Amino acid sequence: MAALEISPIKIGHVIVKAREVAAKVAAWDDGATSDHDADSILESFSDDATRSELKSFIQDMNEDEQASLVALAWIGRGSFGPEELDEALETARTEHVNRTEEYLLGMPLLADYLEEGLDRLGYSVEDIEDDVL
């Protein structure tokens, strides 16, 4: 059986950042300024760095790490079972036609899928997130 070719720390970082992105709500006034007050921390402004930081983090991963992240998300959402990790990894590599970061950030429940995938593969999600935080 193949193993994930990405460190648990990197997966944990993606989970934390994906949760931050998912927690954002549309800004009521997305003006041209980057001077936002503390009350607007959960608003998603066009100049918000959280989403772009996560995209850059995923872009900087090598192809094996990106394939592992995609396969893990698929296992978490139930597209593949944990015993099908080899097949999920191979499918992620062969069907890679779009930008991985755009594909993953297009999943509304990305953090949940990654956590569920880790759990289904026998990893301790709490330990991984504790290492990141």
C-alpha atoms as a PDB file:
ATOM      1  CA  MET A   1       0.000   0.000   0.000  1.00  0.00           C
ATOM      2  CA  ALA A   2       1.284   3.421  -0.904  1.00  0.00           C
ATOM      3  CA  ALA A   3       1.771   6.112   1.667  1.00  0.00           C
ATOM      4  CA  LEU A   4       0.983   9.779   1.483  1.00  0.00           C
ATOM      5  CA  GLU A   5       3.926  11.679   0.046  1.00  0.00           C
ATOM      6  CA  ILE A   6       3.329  14.823   2.072  1.00  0.00           C
ATOM      7  CA  SER A   7       4.243  15.642   5.648  1.00  0.00           C
ATOM      8  CA  PRO A   8       1.451  15.731   8.225  1.00  0.00           C
ATOM      9  CA  ILE A   9       2.630  19.244   9.155  1.00  0.00           C
ATOM     10  CA  LYS A  10       1.885  20.497   5.633  1.00  0.00           C
ATOM     11  CA  ILE A  11      -1.533  18.846   5.682  1.00  0.00           C
ATOM     12  CA  GLY A  12      -2.236  20.453   9.059  1.00  0.00           C
ATOM     13  CA  HIS A  13      -1.229  23.858   7.704  1.00  0.00           C
ATOM     14  CA  VAL A  14      -3.616  23.456   4.763  1.00  0.00           C
ATOM     15  CA  ILE A  15      -6.420  22.417   7.123  1.00  0.00           C
ATOM     16  CA  VAL A  16      -5.893  25.437   9.394  1.00  0.00           C
ATOM     17  CA  LYS A  17      -5.705  27.901   6.487  1.00  0.00           C
ATOM     18  CA  ALA A  18      -8.693  26.295   4.720  1.00  0.00           C
ATOM     19  CA  ARG A  19     -10.721  26.748   7.914  1.00  0.00           C
ATOM     20  CA  GLU A  20      -9.694  30.411   8.035  1.00  0.00           C
ATOM     21  CA  VAL A  21     -10.754  30.908   4.409  1.00  0.00           C
ATOM     22  CA  ALA A  22     -14.057  29.075   4.979  1.00  0.00           C
ATOM     23  CA  ALA A  23     -14.832  31.217   8.043  1.00  0.00           C
ATOM     24  CA  LYS A  24     -14.768  34.415   6.010  1.00  0.00           C
ATOM     25  CA  VAL A  25     -18.017  36.030   4.898  1.00  0.00           C
ATOM     26  CA  ALA A  26     -18.573  38.466   2.063  1.00  0.00           C
ATOM     27  CA  ALA A  27     -17.538  42.000   2.898  1.00  0.00           C
ATOM     28  CA  TRP A  28     -20.392  44.451   3.149  1.00  0.00           C
ATOM     29  CA  ASP A  29     -18.182  47.205   1.695  1.00  0.00           C
ATOM     30  CA  ASP A  30     -15.108  46.066  -0.204  1.00  0.00           C
ATOM     31  CA  GLY A  31     -13.625  49.487  -0.798  1.00  0.00           C
ATOM     32  CA  ALA A  32     -10.263  50.080  -2.414  1.00  0.00           C
ATOM     33  CA  THR A  33      -8.506  50.445   0.913  1.00  0.00           C
ATOM     34  CA  SER A  34      -6.561  47.797   2.763  1.00  0.00           C
ATOM     35  CA  ASP A  35      -7.179  49.615   6.041  1.00  0.00           C
ATOM     36  CA  HIS A  36      -9.790  47.398   7.729  1.00  0.00           C
ATOM     37  CA  ASP A  37     -10.693  47.537  11.393  1.00  0.00           C
ATOM     38  CA  ALA A  38     -10.635  44.653  13.867  1.00  0.00           C
ATOM     39  CA  ASP A  39     -14.411  44.189  13.591  1.00  0.00           C
ATOM     40  CA  SER A  40     -13.999  43.142   9.950  1.00  0.00           C
ATOM     41  CA  ILE A  41     -11.525  40.288  10.538  1.00  0.00           C
ATOM     42  CA  LEU A  42     -13.986  37.641   9.309  1.00  0.00           C
ATOM     43  CA  GLU A  43     -14.952  39.579   6.198  1.00  0.00           C
ATOM     44  CA  SER A  44     -13.461  38.424   2.914  1.00  0.00           C
ATOM     45  CA  PHE A  45     -11.944  41.451   1.207  1.00  0.00           C
ATOM     46  CA  SER A  46     -10.379  41.379  -2.245  1.00  0.00           C
ATOM     47  CA  ASP A  47      -6.994  42.237  -0.712  1.00  0.00           C
ATOM     48  CA  ASP A  48      -7.251  39.533   1.981  1.00  0.00           C
ATOM     49  CA  ALA A  49      -4.029  37.534   2.158  1.00  0.00           C
ATOM     50  CA  THR A  50      -5.419  34.326   3.696  1.00  0.00           C
ATOM     51  CA  ARG A  51      -6.694  32.772   0.457  1.00  0.00           C
ATOM     52  CA  SER A  52      -3.661  33.845  -1.584  1.00  0.00           C
ATOM     53  CA  GLU A  53      -1.335  32.550   1.147  1.00  0.00           C
ATOM     54  CA  LEU A  54      -2.993  29.131   0.987  1.00  0.00           C
ATOM     55  CA  LYS A  55      -2.896  29.100  -2.822  1.00  0.00           C
ATOM     56  CA  SER A  56       0.817  29.933  -2.807  1.00  0.00           C
ATOM     57  CA  PHE A  57       1.501  27.266  -0.185  1.00  0.00           C
ATOM     58  CA  ILE A  58      -0.156  24.593  -2.346  1.00  0.00           C
ATOM     59  CA  GLN A  59       1.534  25.894  -5.528  1.00  0.00           C
ATOM     60  CA  ASP A  60       4.934  25.571  -3.846  1.00  0.00           C
ATOM     61  CA  MET A  61       4.368  21.868  -3.152  1.00  0.00           C
ATOM     62  CA  ASN A  62       5.901  19.313  -5.498  1.00  0.00           C
ATOM     63  CA  GLU A  63       3.652  17.142  -7.693  1.00  0.00           C
ATOM     64  CA  ASP A  64       3.707  14.180  -5.294  1.00  0.00           C
ATOM     65  CA  GLU A  65       2.647  16.373  -2.368  1.00  0.00           C
ATOM     66  CA  GLN A  66      -0.153  17.912  -4.420  1.00  0.00           C
ATOM     67  CA  ALA A  67      -1.349  14.482  -5.581  1.00  0.00           C
ATOM     68  CA  SER A  68      -1.320  13.254  -1.978  1.00  0.00           C
ATOM     69  CA  LEU A  69      -3.377  16.244  -0.865  1.00  0.00           C
ATOM     70  CA  VAL A  70      -5.954  15.666  -3.619  1.00  0.00           C
ATOM     71  CA  ALA A  71      -6.108  11.916  -2.893  1.00  0.00           C
ATOM     72  CA  LEU A  72      -6.561  12.633   0.816  1.00  0.00           C
ATOM     73  CA  ALA A  73      -9.451  15.012   0.099  1.00  0.00           C
ATOM     74  CA  TRP A  74     -11.078  12.387  -2.141  1.00  0.00           C
ATOM     75  CA  ILE A  75     -10.776   9.754   0.577  1.00  0.00           C
ATOM     76  CA  GLY A  76     -12.249  12.200   3.069  1.00  0.00           C
ATOM     77  CA  ARG A  77     -15.282  12.915   0.930  1.00  0.00           C
ATOM     78  CA  GLY A  78     -15.821   9.224   0.186  1.00  0.00           C
ATOM     79  CA  SER A  79     -14.823   9.122  -3.481  1.00  0.00           C
ATOM     80  CA  PHE A  80     -12.242   6.475  -2.536  1.00  0.00           C
ATOM     81  CA  GLY A  81     -11.943   4.243   0.490  1.00  0.00           C
ATOM     82  CA  PRO A  82      -8.819   4.222   2.661  1.00  0.00           C
ATOM     83  CA  GLU A  83      -7.881   0.850   1.153  1.00  0.00           C
ATOM     84  CA  GLU A  84      -7.897   2.551  -2.282  1.00  0.00           C
ATOM     85  CA  LEU A  85      -5.118   5.034  -1.473  1.00  0.00           C
ATOM     86  CA  ASP A  86      -2.910   3.669  -4.284  1.00  0.00           C
ATOM     87  CA  GLU A  87      -5.703   4.169  -6.814  1.00  0.00           C
ATOM     88  CA  ALA A  88      -6.544   7.637  -5.476  1.00  0.00           C
ATOM     89  CA  LEU A  89      -2.899   8.722  -5.746  1.00  0.00           C
ATOM     90  CA  GLU A  90      -2.578   7.349  -9.284  1.00  0.00           C
ATOM     91  CA  THR A  91      -5.848   9.009 -10.329  1.00  0.00           C
ATOM     92  CA  ALA A  92      -4.737  12.326  -8.824  1.00  0.00           C
ATOM     93  CA  ARG A  93      -1.490  12.123 -10.825  1.00  0.00           C
ATOM     94  CA  THR A  94      -3.026  11.058 -14.139  1.00  0.00           C
ATOM     95  CA  GLU A  95      -6.041  13.365 -14.033  1.00  0.00           C
ATOM     96  CA  HIS A  96      -4.059  16.422 -13.004  1.00  0.00           C
ATOM     97  CA  VAL A  97      -5.139  18.874 -15.695  1.00  0.00           C
ATOM     98  CA  ASN A  98      -6.043  21.956 -13.694  1.00  0.00           C
ATOM     99  CA  ARG A  99      -4.206  23.965 -11.108  1.00  0.00           C
ATOM    100  CA  THR A 100      -4.292  21.936  -7.918  1.00  0.00           C
ATOM    101  CA  GLU A 101      -4.709  24.954  -5.665  1.00  0.00           C
ATOM    102  CA  GLU A 102      -7.775  26.159  -7.604  1.00  0.00           C
ATOM    103  CA  TYR A 103      -9.266  22.668  -7.601  1.00  0.00           C
ATOM    104  CA  LEU A 104      -8.801  22.196  -3.862  1.00  0.00           C
ATOM    105  CA  LEU A 105      -9.961  25.691  -2.908  1.00  0.00           C
ATOM    106  CA  GLY A 106     -13.071  25.044  -4.993  1.00  0.00           C
ATOM    107  CA  MET A 107     -14.080  22.361  -2.488  1.00  0.00           C
ATOM    108  CA  PRO A 108     -16.367  24.072   0.037  1.00  0.00           C
ATOM    109  CA  LEU A 109     -15.563  21.494   2.732  1.00  0.00           C
ATOM    110  CA  LEU A 110     -11.836  21.105   2.011  1.00  0.00           C
ATOM    111  CA  ALA A 111     -10.705  21.196   5.658  1.00  0.00           C
ATOM    112  CA  ASP A 112     -13.389  18.679   6.645  1.00  0.00           C
ATOM    113  CA  TYR A 113     -12.448  16.349   3.773  1.00  0.00           C
ATOM    114  CA  LEU A 114      -8.756  16.483   4.688  1.00  0.00           C
ATOM    115  CA  GLU A 115      -9.493  15.804   8.351  1.00  0.00           C
ATOM    116  CA  GLU A 116     -11.824  12.946   7.501  1.00  0.00           C
ATOM    117  CA  GLY A 117      -9.253  11.520   5.077  1.00  0.00           C
ATOM    118  CA  LEU A 118      -6.566  11.612   7.748  1.00  0.00           C
ATOM    119  CA  ASP A 119      -8.904   9.953  10.223  1.00  0.00           C
ATOM    120  CA  ARG A 120      -9.888   7.239   7.730  1.00  0.00           C
ATOM    121  CA  LEU A 121      -6.192   6.532   7.087  1.00  0.00           C
ATOM    122  CA  GLY A 122      -5.506   6.226  10.817  1.00  0.00           C
ATOM    123  CA  TYR A 123      -3.754   9.535  11.503  1.00  0.00           C
ATOM    124  CA  SER A 124      -4.450  11.579  14.623  1.00  0.00           C
ATOM    125  CA  VAL A 125      -5.924  14.844  13.359  1.00  0.00           C
ATOM    126  CA  GLU A 126      -5.581  16.495  16.772  1.00  0.00           C
ATOM    127  CA  ASP A 127      -1.864  15.715  16.975  1.00  0.00           C
ATOM    128  CA  ILE A 128      -1.273  17.118  13.492  1.00  0.00           C
ATOM    129  CA  GLU A 129      -3.216  20.323  14.168  1.00  0.00           C
ATOM    130  CA  ASP A 130      -1.440  20.744  17.538  1.00  0.00           C
ATOM    131  CA  ASP A 131       1.918  20.556  15.721  1.00  0.00           C
ATOM    132  CA  VAL A 132       0.827  23.332  13.350  1.00  0.00           C
ATOM    133  CA  LEU A 133      -0.590  25.636  15.992  1.00  0.00           C
END
